[in-house]
């Protein structure tokens, strides 16, 4: 039986979008009139077909039913959680690595005073959450033990969680448990809850919102010739299967965020395919997060090897993903990305 996927496309923004929605010429993404679309791409493993929304009724009965079911998820309004609000402006998740070896800022903020200052700066610049991590998961990195990870982050978590909304970047269930007890608002597990089998039980017990990220392989080997039959559809199927499993064990809330995992077991071609077609993931019915900040795909395209000099590529990809309705961007340079978003939105406002 042929499996069909729905990708919304041909987006409109600002006042133009509002006018088209009111005239019923486009459909609002997540119930937001300021961003809408009037085309969908119907995808299978063997074909693609682009149609306007007013052509849906001409499809076969079974396909029309499938498309309309997907569109219901795509157009339904998303309720905010974890200090995140879902509207036409993406939420920024500010990165704070308390590690000596993260790919971009390792060793820069792992002192208490510098960490607190940076978290405060990121939050004041517009980040809705500060994503704190004590273990590097950059390509080639090796895992560290739970004790060392907790030593790196616990004092900062205790100080910051009382003042600033915190997301905790960890793969380990005991670290999650301790972080939740300190009041973190979101768990961000880059392994897709697969590194530690106990993580799902911790999240279920505490009813905690979390990011479900796709990753192929482990950080130490994930960039060693990653391969897919179809990167876009393989990752979509991963999410669909994982959500079905989570529902089966009793995690029934919708405070789940989907992250395709740019750079986690993907080469340049895979990353570009995901970014260009990111809107396919709206039909899963959950908010989308993308971690594009300073990633290697920017270096591969621009030929600039310094990870600290990739703000231009981060901004360009961030603006594109905003136009595709991505709700959350995980970035290091919050001030610069927020500035770019504000200027772009002002340009297209009228």
C-alpha atoms as a PDB file:
ATOM      1  CA  UNK A   1       0.000   0.000   0.000  1.00  0.00           C
ATOM      2  CA  UNK A   2       1.381   3.426  -0.992  1.00  0.00           C
ATOM      3  CA  UNK A   3       2.280   5.703   1.909  1.00  0.00           C
ATOM      4  CA  UNK A   4       1.517   9.390   1.358  1.00  0.00           C
ATOM      5  CA  UNK A   5       3.087  12.383   3.107  1.00  0.00           C
ATOM      6  CA  UNK A   6       1.844  15.982   3.096  1.00  0.00           C
ATOM      7  CA  UNK A   7       4.216  18.930   2.901  1.00  0.00           C
ATOM      8  CA  UNK A   8       2.668  22.405   2.995  1.00  0.00           C
ATOM      9  CA  UNK A   9       4.407  25.010   0.861  1.00  0.00           C
ATOM     10  CA  UNK A  10       4.174  28.379  -0.930  1.00  0.00           C
ATOM     11  CA  UNK A  11       3.932  30.403   2.268  1.00  0.00           C
ATOM     12  CA  UNK A  12       2.758  33.971   2.744  1.00  0.00           C
ATOM     13  CA  UNK A  13       3.600  36.281   5.643  1.00  0.00           C
ATOM     14  CA  UNK A  14       2.376  39.422   7.356  1.00  0.00           C
ATOM     15  CA  UNK A  15      -0.580  41.458   6.113  1.00  0.00           C
ATOM     16  CA  UNK A  16      -0.582  39.751   2.737  1.00  0.00           C
ATOM     17  CA  UNK A  17      -1.110  36.435   4.505  1.00  0.00           C
ATOM     18  CA  UNK A  18      -3.966  37.876   6.597  1.00  0.00           C
ATOM     19  CA  UNK A  19      -5.752  39.147   3.493  1.00  0.00           C
ATOM     20  CA  UNK A  20      -5.430  35.795   1.691  1.00  0.00           C
ATOM     21  CA  UNK A  21      -6.694  33.884   4.740  1.00  0.00           C
ATOM     22  CA  UNK A  22      -9.694  36.195   5.047  1.00  0.00           C
ATOM     23  CA  UNK A  23     -10.462  35.686   1.349  1.00  0.00           C
ATOM     24  CA  UNK A  24     -10.058  31.912   1.898  1.00  0.00           C
ATOM     25  CA  UNK A  25      -7.318  31.752  -0.712  1.00  0.00           C
ATOM     26  CA  UNK A  26      -4.766  30.368   1.761  1.00  0.00           C
ATOM     27  CA  UNK A  27      -4.875  28.344   4.978  1.00  0.00           C
ATOM     28  CA  UNK A  28      -3.374  29.609   8.257  1.00  0.00           C
ATOM     29  CA  UNK A  29      -0.497  27.606   9.681  1.00  0.00           C
ATOM     30  CA  UNK A  30      -1.399  26.575  13.246  1.00  0.00           C
ATOM     31  CA  UNK A  31      -4.346  28.962  13.161  1.00  0.00           C
ATOM     32  CA  UNK A  32      -2.023  31.980  12.765  1.00  0.00           C
ATOM     33  CA  UNK A  33      -3.283  34.361  10.089  1.00  0.00           C
ATOM     34  CA  UNK A  34       0.128  36.066   9.738  1.00  0.00           C
ATOM     35  CA  UNK A  35       1.594  32.930   8.129  1.00  0.00           C
ATOM     36  CA  UNK A  36      -0.329  30.834   5.631  1.00  0.00           C
ATOM     37  CA  UNK A  37       0.058  28.589   2.587  1.00  0.00           C
ATOM     38  CA  UNK A  38      -1.874  27.791  -0.579  1.00  0.00           C
ATOM     39  CA  UNK A  39      -0.072  24.708  -1.926  1.00  0.00           C
ATOM     40  CA  UNK A  40       0.747  21.216  -0.725  1.00  0.00           C
ATOM     41  CA  UNK A  41       3.230  18.695  -2.009  1.00  0.00           C
ATOM     42  CA  UNK A  42       1.963  15.120  -1.925  1.00  0.00           C
ATOM     43  CA  UNK A  43       4.987  12.855  -1.504  1.00  0.00           C
ATOM     44  CA  UNK A  44       5.530   9.098  -1.747  1.00  0.00           C
ATOM     45  CA  UNK A  45       8.741   7.076  -1.792  1.00  0.00           C
ATOM     46  CA  UNK A  46       8.570   7.193  -5.599  1.00  0.00           C
ATOM     47  CA  UNK A  47       6.872  10.456  -6.530  1.00  0.00           C
ATOM     48  CA  UNK A  48       6.025  14.081  -5.731  1.00  0.00           C
ATOM     49  CA  UNK A  49       2.999  16.091  -6.814  1.00  0.00           C
ATOM     50  CA  UNK A  50       2.427  19.788  -6.139  1.00  0.00           C
ATOM     51  CA  UNK A  51      -1.170  21.036  -5.997  1.00  0.00           C
ATOM     52  CA  UNK A  52      -3.065  24.109  -4.834  1.00  0.00           C
ATOM     53  CA  UNK A  53      -5.359  23.712  -1.827  1.00  0.00           C
ATOM     54  CA  UNK A  54      -8.406  24.330  -4.035  1.00  0.00           C
ATOM     55  CA  UNK A  55      -7.538  21.146  -5.973  1.00  0.00           C
ATOM     56  CA  UNK A  56      -7.760  18.807  -2.975  1.00  0.00           C
ATOM     57  CA  UNK A  57     -11.381  17.874  -3.667  1.00  0.00           C
ATOM     58  CA  UNK A  58     -10.327  16.505  -7.074  1.00  0.00           C
ATOM     59  CA  UNK A  59      -8.181  13.809  -5.432  1.00  0.00           C
ATOM     60  CA  UNK A  60      -9.330  10.223  -4.909  1.00  0.00           C
ATOM     61  CA  UNK A  61     -11.557   9.627  -1.882  1.00  0.00           C
ATOM     62  CA  UNK A  62      -8.881   7.832   0.189  1.00  0.00           C
ATOM     63  CA  UNK A  63      -6.128  10.340  -0.616  1.00  0.00           C
ATOM     64  CA  UNK A  64      -8.424  13.294   0.032  1.00  0.00           C
ATOM     65  CA  UNK A  65      -9.245  11.834   3.452  1.00  0.00           C
ATOM     66  CA  UNK A  66      -5.546  11.468   4.263  1.00  0.00           C
ATOM     67  CA  UNK A  67      -4.681  15.002   3.114  1.00  0.00           C
ATOM     68  CA  UNK A  68      -7.549  16.577   5.048  1.00  0.00           C
ATOM     69  CA  UNK A  69      -6.514  14.692   8.184  1.00  0.00           C
ATOM     70  CA  UNK A  70      -2.973  16.070   7.813  1.00  0.00           C
ATOM     71  CA  UNK A  71      -4.287  19.575   7.134  1.00  0.00           C
ATOM     72  CA  UNK A  72      -6.309  19.440  10.332  1.00  0.00           C
ATOM     73  CA  UNK A  73      -3.072  18.903  12.300  1.00  0.00           C
ATOM     74  CA  UNK A  74      -1.259  21.561  10.273  1.00  0.00           C
ATOM     75  CA  UNK A  75      -3.870  24.283  10.732  1.00  0.00           C
ATOM     76  CA  UNK A  76      -4.799  23.559  14.365  1.00  0.00           C
ATOM     77  CA  UNK A  77      -3.633  26.156  16.873  1.00  0.00           C
ATOM     78  CA  UNK A  78      -0.757  25.097  19.118  1.00  0.00           C
ATOM     79  CA  UNK A  79      -0.978  25.832  22.842  1.00  0.00           C
ATOM     80  CA  UNK A  80       2.128  27.293  24.426  1.00  0.00           C
ATOM     81  CA  UNK A  81       4.144  25.592  27.166  1.00  0.00           C
ATOM     82  CA  UNK A  82       7.531  25.868  28.904  1.00  0.00           C
ATOM     83  CA  UNK A  83       7.560  29.658  28.388  1.00  0.00           C
ATOM     84  CA  UNK A  84       7.127  29.099  24.629  1.00  0.00           C
ATOM     85  CA  UNK A  85       4.378  30.850  22.686  1.00  0.00           C
ATOM     86  CA  UNK A  86       3.559  29.718  19.179  1.00  0.00           C
ATOM     87  CA  UNK A  87       2.836  32.598  16.821  1.00  0.00           C
ATOM     88  CA  UNK A  88       4.335  34.058  13.635  1.00  0.00           C
ATOM     89  CA  UNK A  89       7.672  34.800  15.363  1.00  0.00           C
ATOM     90  CA  UNK A  90       9.880  31.812  16.241  1.00  0.00           C
ATOM     91  CA  UNK A  91      10.947  31.242  19.841  1.00  0.00           C
ATOM     92  CA  UNK A  92      14.698  31.351  20.381  1.00  0.00           C
ATOM     93  CA  UNK A  93      16.316  28.705  22.567  1.00  0.00           C
ATOM     94  CA  UNK A  94      19.607  30.189  23.791  1.00  0.00           C
ATOM     95  CA  UNK A  95      22.571  27.782  23.948  1.00  0.00           C
ATOM     96  CA  UNK A  96      24.699  27.638  27.107  1.00  0.00           C
ATOM     97  CA  UNK A  97      27.300  24.878  27.036  1.00  0.00           C
ATOM     98  CA  UNK A  98      28.977  24.278  30.412  1.00  0.00           C
ATOM     99  CA  UNK A  99      31.590  22.047  28.788  1.00  0.00           C
ATOM    100  CA  UNK A 100      35.293  22.311  27.939  1.00  0.00           C
ATOM    101  CA  UNK A 101      34.848  20.735  24.488  1.00  0.00           C
ATOM    102  CA  UNK A 102      31.617  21.772  22.727  1.00  0.00           C
ATOM    103  CA  UNK A 103      32.221  22.437  19.021  1.00  0.00           C
ATOM    104  CA  UNK A 104      31.624  26.201  19.083  1.00  0.00           C
ATOM    105  CA  UNK A 105      31.919  27.592  22.602  1.00  0.00           C
ATOM    106  CA  UNK A 106      33.567  24.833  24.639  1.00  0.00           C
ATOM    107  CA  UNK A 107      35.379  26.201  27.671  1.00  0.00           C
ATOM    108  CA  UNK A 108      34.015  29.713  27.191  1.00  0.00           C
ATOM    109  CA  UNK A 109      31.226  29.674  29.783  1.00  0.00           C
ATOM    110  CA  UNK A 110      32.051  26.787  32.150  1.00  0.00           C
ATOM    111  CA  UNK A 111      32.943  29.138  35.020  1.00  0.00           C
ATOM    112  CA  UNK A 112      30.056  30.100  37.297  1.00  0.00           C
ATOM    113  CA  UNK A 113      30.278  33.865  36.857  1.00  0.00           C
ATOM    114  CA  UNK A 114      30.630  33.680  33.062  1.00  0.00           C
ATOM    115  CA  UNK A 115      27.808  31.138  32.784  1.00  0.00           C
ATOM    116  CA  UNK A 116      25.381  33.274  34.779  1.00  0.00           C
ATOM    117  CA  UNK A 117      26.326  36.402  32.839  1.00  0.00           C
ATOM    118  CA  UNK A 118      25.873  34.638  29.481  1.00  0.00           C
ATOM    119  CA  UNK A 119      22.518  33.111  30.481  1.00  0.00           C
ATOM    120  CA  UNK A 120      21.304  36.532  31.589  1.00  0.00           C
ATOM    121  CA  UNK A 121      22.522  38.127  28.344  1.00  0.00           C
ATOM    122  CA  UNK A 122      20.802  35.471  26.216  1.00  0.00           C
ATOM    123  CA  UNK A 123      17.542  35.820  28.119  1.00  0.00           C
ATOM    124  CA  UNK A 124      17.587  39.623  28.042  1.00  0.00           C
ATOM    125  CA  UNK A 125      18.300  39.489  24.294  1.00  0.00           C
ATOM    126  CA  UNK A 126      15.084  37.575  23.681  1.00  0.00           C
ATOM    127  CA  UNK A 127      15.655  33.871  24.347  1.00  0.00           C
ATOM    128  CA  UNK A 128      12.527  32.224  25.762  1.00  0.00           C
ATOM    129  CA  UNK A 129      14.562  29.418  27.341  1.00  0.00           C
ATOM    130  CA  UNK A 130      18.245  28.863  28.055  1.00  0.00           C
ATOM    131  CA  UNK A 131      19.345  25.374  26.982  1.00  0.00           C
ATOM    132  CA  UNK A 132      22.001  24.219  29.459  1.00  0.00           C
ATOM    133  CA  UNK A 133      24.202  21.204  28.782  1.00  0.00           C
ATOM    134  CA  UNK A 134      27.128  19.608  30.587  1.00  0.00           C
ATOM    135  CA  UNK A 135      28.101  16.982  28.003  1.00  0.00           C
ATOM    136  CA  UNK A 136      29.332  17.744  24.511  1.00  0.00           C
ATOM    137  CA  UNK A 137      27.581  15.791  21.745  1.00  0.00           C
ATOM    138  CA  UNK A 138      29.557  17.316  18.883  1.00  0.00           C
ATOM    139  CA  UNK A 139      30.713  14.910  16.139  1.00  0.00           C
ATOM    140  CA  UNK A 140      33.548  12.752  17.477  1.00  0.00           C
ATOM    141  CA  UNK A 141      32.865  13.461  21.150  1.00  0.00           C
ATOM    142  CA  UNK A 142      32.812  10.647  23.671  1.00  0.00           C
ATOM    143  CA  UNK A 143      30.287  10.221  26.509  1.00  0.00           C
ATOM    144  CA  UNK A 144      31.153  11.333  30.024  1.00  0.00           C
ATOM    145  CA  UNK A 145      29.937   9.759  33.242  1.00  0.00           C
ATOM    146  CA  UNK A 146      26.859  10.999  35.044  1.00  0.00           C
ATOM    147  CA  UNK A 147      28.798  12.294  38.058  1.00  0.00           C
ATOM    148  CA  UNK A 148      31.008  14.590  35.962  1.00  0.00           C
ATOM    149  CA  UNK A 149      28.052  15.886  33.946  1.00  0.00           C
ATOM    150  CA  UNK A 150      26.153  16.767  37.130  1.00  0.00           C
ATOM    151  CA  UNK A 151      29.194  18.463  38.683  1.00  0.00           C
ATOM    152  CA  UNK A 152      29.438  20.705  35.619  1.00  0.00           C
ATOM    153  CA  UNK A 153      25.842  21.895  35.702  1.00  0.00           C
ATOM    154  CA  UNK A 154      24.261  21.529  39.147  1.00  0.00           C
ATOM    155  CA  UNK A 155      25.387  24.830  40.756  1.00  0.00           C
ATOM    156  CA  UNK A 156      24.426  26.839  37.666  1.00  0.00           C
ATOM    157  CA  UNK A 157      21.052  25.097  37.453  1.00  0.00           C
ATOM    158  CA  UNK A 158      20.308  25.826  41.105  1.00  0.00           C
ATOM    159  CA  UNK A 159      21.159  29.511  40.671  1.00  0.00           C
ATOM    160  CA  UNK A 160      19.495  30.106  37.306  1.00  0.00           C
ATOM    161  CA  UNK A 161      16.339  28.001  37.523  1.00  0.00           C
ATOM    162  CA  UNK A 162      14.909  30.399  40.132  1.00  0.00           C
ATOM    163  CA  UNK A 163      15.358  33.387  37.799  1.00  0.00           C
ATOM    164  CA  UNK A 164      15.352  32.243  34.168  1.00  0.00           C
ATOM    165  CA  UNK A 165      13.362  29.532  32.312  1.00  0.00           C
ATOM    166  CA  UNK A 166      15.736  26.622  31.702  1.00  0.00           C
ATOM    167  CA  UNK A 167      15.845  23.775  29.193  1.00  0.00           C
ATOM    168  CA  UNK A 168      18.145  20.886  30.132  1.00  0.00           C
ATOM    169  CA  UNK A 169      20.242  19.282  27.388  1.00  0.00           C
ATOM    170  CA  UNK A 170      21.011  15.747  28.588  1.00  0.00           C
ATOM    171  CA  UNK A 171      20.715  12.093  27.543  1.00  0.00           C
ATOM    172  CA  UNK A 172      20.746  10.663  31.067  1.00  0.00           C
ATOM    173  CA  UNK A 173      17.644   9.870  33.134  1.00  0.00           C
ATOM    174  CA  UNK A 174      19.152  10.688  36.544  1.00  0.00           C
ATOM    175  CA  UNK A 175      20.339  14.090  35.303  1.00  0.00           C
ATOM    176  CA  UNK A 176      16.845  14.697  33.942  1.00  0.00           C
ATOM    177  CA  UNK A 177      15.296  13.716  37.270  1.00  0.00           C
ATOM    178  CA  UNK A 178      17.541  16.074  39.254  1.00  0.00           C
ATOM    179  CA  UNK A 179      16.973  18.883  36.769  1.00  0.00           C
ATOM    180  CA  UNK A 180      13.194  18.474  36.886  1.00  0.00           C
ATOM    181  CA  UNK A 181      13.346  18.640  40.697  1.00  0.00           C
ATOM    182  CA  UNK A 182      15.164  21.967  40.361  1.00  0.00           C
ATOM    183  CA  UNK A 183      12.418  23.310  38.101  1.00  0.00           C
ATOM    184  CA  UNK A 184      13.690  23.031  34.514  1.00  0.00           C
ATOM    185  CA  UNK A 185      10.914  23.732  32.018  1.00  0.00           C
ATOM    186  CA  UNK A 186      11.963  21.414  29.167  1.00  0.00           C
ATOM    187  CA  UNK A 187      14.112  18.327  28.575  1.00  0.00           C
ATOM    188  CA  UNK A 188      16.192  18.279  25.377  1.00  0.00           C
ATOM    189  CA  UNK A 189      17.591  14.788  24.670  1.00  0.00           C
ATOM    190  CA  UNK A 190      19.612  14.701  21.440  1.00  0.00           C
ATOM    191  CA  UNK A 191      19.371  10.896  21.310  1.00  0.00           C
ATOM    192  CA  UNK A 192      15.594  10.869  20.818  1.00  0.00           C
ATOM    193  CA  UNK A 193      15.172   9.163  24.233  1.00  0.00           C
ATOM    194  CA  UNK A 194      17.200   6.173  22.999  1.00  0.00           C
ATOM    195  CA  UNK A 195      20.504   6.574  24.882  1.00  0.00           C
ATOM    196  CA  UNK A 196      19.072   5.762  28.307  1.00  0.00           C
ATOM    197  CA  UNK A 197      15.971   3.511  28.369  1.00  0.00           C
ATOM    198  CA  UNK A 198      14.868   4.949  31.717  1.00  0.00           C
ATOM    199  CA  UNK A 199      14.376   8.467  30.324  1.00  0.00           C
ATOM    200  CA  UNK A 200      10.844   7.768  29.072  1.00  0.00           C
ATOM    201  CA  UNK A 201       9.779   6.663  32.562  1.00  0.00           C
ATOM    202  CA  UNK A 202      11.179   9.840  34.148  1.00  0.00           C
ATOM    203  CA  UNK A 203       9.359  12.004  31.601  1.00  0.00           C
ATOM    204  CA  UNK A 204       6.120  10.064  32.056  1.00  0.00           C
ATOM    205  CA  UNK A 205       6.275  10.183  35.857  1.00  0.00           C
ATOM    206  CA  UNK A 206       6.817  13.951  35.897  1.00  0.00           C
ATOM    207  CA  UNK A 207       4.631  14.806  32.896  1.00  0.00           C
ATOM    208  CA  UNK A 208       7.555  16.879  31.629  1.00  0.00           C
ATOM    209  CA  UNK A 209       7.638  18.634  28.236  1.00  0.00           C
ATOM    210  CA  UNK A 210      10.494  17.421  26.036  1.00  0.00           C
ATOM    211  CA  UNK A 211      12.246  17.673  22.686  1.00  0.00           C
ATOM    212  CA  UNK A 212      12.225  14.527  20.572  1.00  0.00           C
ATOM    213  CA  UNK A 213      15.293  14.737  18.333  1.00  0.00           C
ATOM    214  CA  UNK A 214      16.381  12.443  15.538  1.00  0.00           C
ATOM    215  CA  UNK A 215      19.978  11.232  15.565  1.00  0.00           C
ATOM    216  CA  UNK A 216      21.613   8.471  13.550  1.00  0.00           C
ATOM    217  CA  UNK A 217      24.348   6.744  15.515  1.00  0.00           C
ATOM    218  CA  UNK A 218      26.222   8.122  18.531  1.00  0.00           C
ATOM    219  CA  UNK A 219      28.246  11.371  18.586  1.00  0.00           C
ATOM    220  CA  UNK A 220      31.529   9.461  18.422  1.00  0.00           C
ATOM    221  CA  UNK A 221      30.632   7.836  15.083  1.00  0.00           C
ATOM    222  CA  UNK A 222      27.519   9.593  13.724  1.00  0.00           C
ATOM    223  CA  UNK A 223      29.368  11.422  10.945  1.00  0.00           C
ATOM    224  CA  UNK A 224      31.079   8.286   9.655  1.00  0.00           C
ATOM    225  CA  UNK A 225      29.256   7.877   6.341  1.00  0.00           C
ATOM    226  CA  UNK A 226      25.629   8.452   7.441  1.00  0.00           C
ATOM    227  CA  UNK A 227      23.116   6.967   5.004  1.00  0.00           C
ATOM    228  CA  UNK A 228      19.338   6.909   4.422  1.00  0.00           C
ATOM    229  CA  UNK A 229      16.973   5.503   1.836  1.00  0.00           C
ATOM    230  CA  UNK A 230      15.183   8.861   1.878  1.00  0.00           C
ATOM    231  CA  UNK A 231      16.402  11.195   4.634  1.00  0.00           C
ATOM    232  CA  UNK A 232      13.213  13.270   4.744  1.00  0.00           C
ATOM    233  CA  UNK A 233      10.771  10.365   4.880  1.00  0.00           C
ATOM    234  CA  UNK A 234      12.972   8.107   7.005  1.00  0.00           C
ATOM    235  CA  UNK A 235      13.125  10.791   9.712  1.00  0.00           C
ATOM    236  CA  UNK A 236       9.397  11.490   9.411  1.00  0.00           C
ATOM    237  CA  UNK A 237       8.736   7.761   9.923  1.00  0.00           C
ATOM    238  CA  UNK A 238      11.067   7.750  12.936  1.00  0.00           C
ATOM    239  CA  UNK A 239       9.005  10.491  14.596  1.00  0.00           C
ATOM    240  CA  UNK A 240       5.699   8.866  13.766  1.00  0.00           C
ATOM    241  CA  UNK A 241       6.845   5.525  15.177  1.00  0.00           C
ATOM    242  CA  UNK A 242       8.327   7.155  18.292  1.00  0.00           C
ATOM    243  CA  UNK A 243       5.169   9.160  19.026  1.00  0.00           C
ATOM    244  CA  UNK A 244       3.087   5.999  18.644  1.00  0.00           C
ATOM    245  CA  UNK A 245       5.374   4.243  21.155  1.00  0.00           C
ATOM    246  CA  UNK A 246       5.196   7.151  23.628  1.00  0.00           C
ATOM    247  CA  UNK A 247       1.400   7.121  23.434  1.00  0.00           C
ATOM    248  CA  UNK A 248       1.376   3.360  24.017  1.00  0.00           C
ATOM    249  CA  UNK A 249       3.268   3.726  27.323  1.00  0.00           C
ATOM    250  CA  UNK A 250       1.005   6.494  28.589  1.00  0.00           C
ATOM    251  CA  UNK A 251       2.688   9.766  27.571  1.00  0.00           C
ATOM    252  CA  UNK A 252      -0.460  11.413  26.262  1.00  0.00           C
ATOM    253  CA  UNK A 253       0.273  15.137  26.557  1.00  0.00           C
ATOM    254  CA  UNK A 254       1.070  17.288  23.529  1.00  0.00           C
ATOM    255  CA  UNK A 255       3.993  19.131  25.117  1.00  0.00           C
ATOM    256  CA  UNK A 256       6.378  17.460  22.692  1.00  0.00           C
ATOM    257  CA  UNK A 257       8.714  19.235  20.258  1.00  0.00           C
ATOM    258  CA  UNK A 258      10.070  17.652  17.069  1.00  0.00           C
ATOM    259  CA  UNK A 259      13.723  18.244  16.084  1.00  0.00           C
ATOM    260  CA  UNK A 260      15.078  16.615  12.880  1.00  0.00           C
ATOM    261  CA  UNK A 261      18.618  16.854  14.276  1.00  0.00           C
ATOM    262  CA  UNK A 262      20.638  18.880  11.771  1.00  0.00           C
ATOM    263  CA  UNK A 263      24.212  17.536  11.804  1.00  0.00           C
ATOM    264  CA  UNK A 264      23.418  14.488  13.928  1.00  0.00           C
ATOM    265  CA  UNK A 265      24.241  11.654  11.561  1.00  0.00           C
ATOM    266  CA  UNK A 266      23.695  13.734   8.403  1.00  0.00           C
ATOM    267  CA  UNK A 267      25.970  14.990   5.649  1.00  0.00           C
ATOM    268  CA  UNK A 268      25.559  18.275   3.743  1.00  0.00           C
ATOM    269  CA  UNK A 269      23.097  16.803   1.258  1.00  0.00           C
ATOM    270  CA  UNK A 270      20.960  15.359   4.072  1.00  0.00           C
ATOM    271  CA  UNK A 271      20.987  18.640   6.017  1.00  0.00           C
ATOM    272  CA  UNK A 272      20.029  20.707   2.961  1.00  0.00           C
ATOM    273  CA  UNK A 273      17.198  18.314   2.105  1.00  0.00           C
ATOM    274  CA  UNK A 274      15.833  18.617   5.648  1.00  0.00           C
ATOM    275  CA  UNK A 275      16.091  22.397   5.788  1.00  0.00           C
ATOM    276  CA  UNK A 276      14.567  22.946   2.338  1.00  0.00           C
ATOM    277  CA  UNK A 277      11.663  20.618   3.113  1.00  0.00           C
ATOM    278  CA  UNK A 278      11.323  21.322   6.841  1.00  0.00           C
ATOM    279  CA  UNK A 279       7.590  22.085   6.489  1.00  0.00           C
ATOM    280  CA  UNK A 280       6.793  18.373   6.007  1.00  0.00           C
ATOM    281  CA  UNK A 281       7.080  17.934   9.775  1.00  0.00           C
ATOM    282  CA  UNK A 282       4.085  20.227  10.446  1.00  0.00           C
ATOM    283  CA  UNK A 283       1.813  17.327   9.529  1.00  0.00           C
ATOM    284  CA  UNK A 284       2.990  15.433  12.627  1.00  0.00           C
ATOM    285  CA  UNK A 285       1.025  17.990  14.652  1.00  0.00           C
ATOM    286  CA  UNK A 286       3.797  19.145  17.009  1.00  0.00           C
ATOM    287  CA  UNK A 287       5.987  22.271  17.189  1.00  0.00           C
ATOM    288  CA  UNK A 288       9.246  22.025  15.235  1.00  0.00           C
ATOM    289  CA  UNK A 289      12.669  22.934  16.644  1.00  0.00           C
ATOM    290  CA  UNK A 290      15.779  23.279  14.481  1.00  0.00           C
ATOM    291  CA  UNK A 291      19.325  23.531  15.792  1.00  0.00           C
ATOM    292  CA  UNK A 292      21.028  25.278  12.866  1.00  0.00           C
ATOM    293  CA  UNK A 293      23.340  27.566  14.819  1.00  0.00           C
ATOM    294  CA  UNK A 294      26.976  27.613  13.625  1.00  0.00           C
ATOM    295  CA  UNK A 295      26.581  24.071  12.256  1.00  0.00           C
ATOM    296  CA  UNK A 296      29.006  22.471   9.823  1.00  0.00           C
ATOM    297  CA  UNK A 297      26.664  22.783   6.828  1.00  0.00           C
ATOM    298  CA  UNK A 298      27.407  26.538   6.950  1.00  0.00           C
ATOM    299  CA  UNK A 299      31.132  25.843   6.705  1.00  0.00           C
ATOM    300  CA  UNK A 300      30.598  23.298   3.920  1.00  0.00           C
ATOM    301  CA  UNK A 301      28.727  25.890   1.862  1.00  0.00           C
ATOM    302  CA  UNK A 302      30.704  29.040   2.721  1.00  0.00           C
ATOM    303  CA  UNK A 303      34.123  27.342   3.144  1.00  0.00           C
ATOM    304  CA  UNK A 304      34.634  29.221   6.410  1.00  0.00           C
ATOM    305  CA  UNK A 305      36.029  26.787   8.967  1.00  0.00           C
ATOM    306  CA  UNK A 306      35.781  28.927  12.114  1.00  0.00           C
ATOM    307  CA  UNK A 307      32.613  27.961  13.991  1.00  0.00           C
ATOM    308  CA  UNK A 308      32.509  31.391  15.667  1.00  0.00           C
ATOM    309  CA  UNK A 309      32.274  33.109  12.264  1.00  0.00           C
ATOM    310  CA  UNK A 310      29.100  31.434  11.043  1.00  0.00           C
ATOM    311  CA  UNK A 311      26.504  33.954  12.194  1.00  0.00           C
ATOM    312  CA  UNK A 312      25.681  34.916   8.602  1.00  0.00           C
ATOM    313  CA  UNK A 313      24.806  31.354   7.666  1.00  0.00           C
ATOM    314  CA  UNK A 314      22.909  30.898  10.915  1.00  0.00           C
ATOM    315  CA  UNK A 315      20.848  34.021  10.248  1.00  0.00           C
ATOM    316  CA  UNK A 316      20.114  33.123   6.613  1.00  0.00           C
ATOM    317  CA  UNK A 317      18.903  29.637   7.516  1.00  0.00           C
ATOM    318  CA  UNK A 318      16.961  30.982  10.522  1.00  0.00           C
ATOM    319  CA  UNK A 319      15.041  33.501   8.391  1.00  0.00           C
ATOM    320  CA  UNK A 320      14.243  30.796   5.836  1.00  0.00           C
ATOM    321  CA  UNK A 321      12.929  28.440   8.501  1.00  0.00           C
ATOM    322  CA  UNK A 322      10.845  31.222  10.022  1.00  0.00           C
ATOM    323  CA  UNK A 323       9.166  31.626   6.614  1.00  0.00           C
ATOM    324  CA  UNK A 324       8.408  27.887   6.721  1.00  0.00           C
ATOM    325  CA  UNK A 325       6.671  28.195  10.097  1.00  0.00           C
ATOM    326  CA  UNK A 326       9.381  26.627  12.284  1.00  0.00           C
ATOM    327  CA  UNK A 327       8.419  27.562  15.845  1.00  0.00           C
ATOM    328  CA  UNK A 328      11.725  27.201  17.737  1.00  0.00           C
ATOM    329  CA  UNK A 329      15.338  27.933  16.755  1.00  0.00           C
ATOM    330  CA  UNK A 330      18.189  26.780  18.981  1.00  0.00           C
ATOM    331  CA  UNK A 331      20.913  29.415  18.603  1.00  0.00           C
ATOM    332  CA  UNK A 332      24.087  30.734  20.215  1.00  0.00           C
ATOM    333  CA  UNK A 333      23.794  34.316  18.943  1.00  0.00           C
ATOM    334  CA  UNK A 334      20.388  35.321  20.269  1.00  0.00           C
ATOM    335  CA  UNK A 335      20.823  39.087  19.896  1.00  0.00           C
ATOM    336  CA  UNK A 336      21.900  38.875  16.248  1.00  0.00           C
ATOM    337  CA  UNK A 337      19.212  36.366  15.241  1.00  0.00           C
ATOM    338  CA  UNK A 338      16.484  38.306  17.045  1.00  0.00           C
ATOM    339  CA  UNK A 339      17.668  41.488  15.327  1.00  0.00           C
ATOM    340  CA  UNK A 340      17.499  39.796  11.920  1.00  0.00           C
ATOM    341  CA  UNK A 341      14.002  38.456  12.579  1.00  0.00           C
ATOM    342  CA  UNK A 342      12.718  41.872  13.649  1.00  0.00           C
ATOM    343  CA  UNK A 343      14.151  43.599  10.591  1.00  0.00           C
ATOM    344  CA  UNK A 344      12.787  40.969   8.212  1.00  0.00           C
ATOM    345  CA  UNK A 345       9.325  41.134   9.761  1.00  0.00           C
ATOM    346  CA  UNK A 346       9.298  44.929   9.525  1.00  0.00           C
ATOM    347  CA  UNK A 347      10.241  44.765   5.833  1.00  0.00           C
ATOM    348  CA  UNK A 348       7.353  42.436   4.954  1.00  0.00           C
ATOM    349  CA  UNK A 349       4.811  43.981   7.347  1.00  0.00           C
ATOM    350  CA  UNK A 350       2.899  46.007   4.729  1.00  0.00           C
END
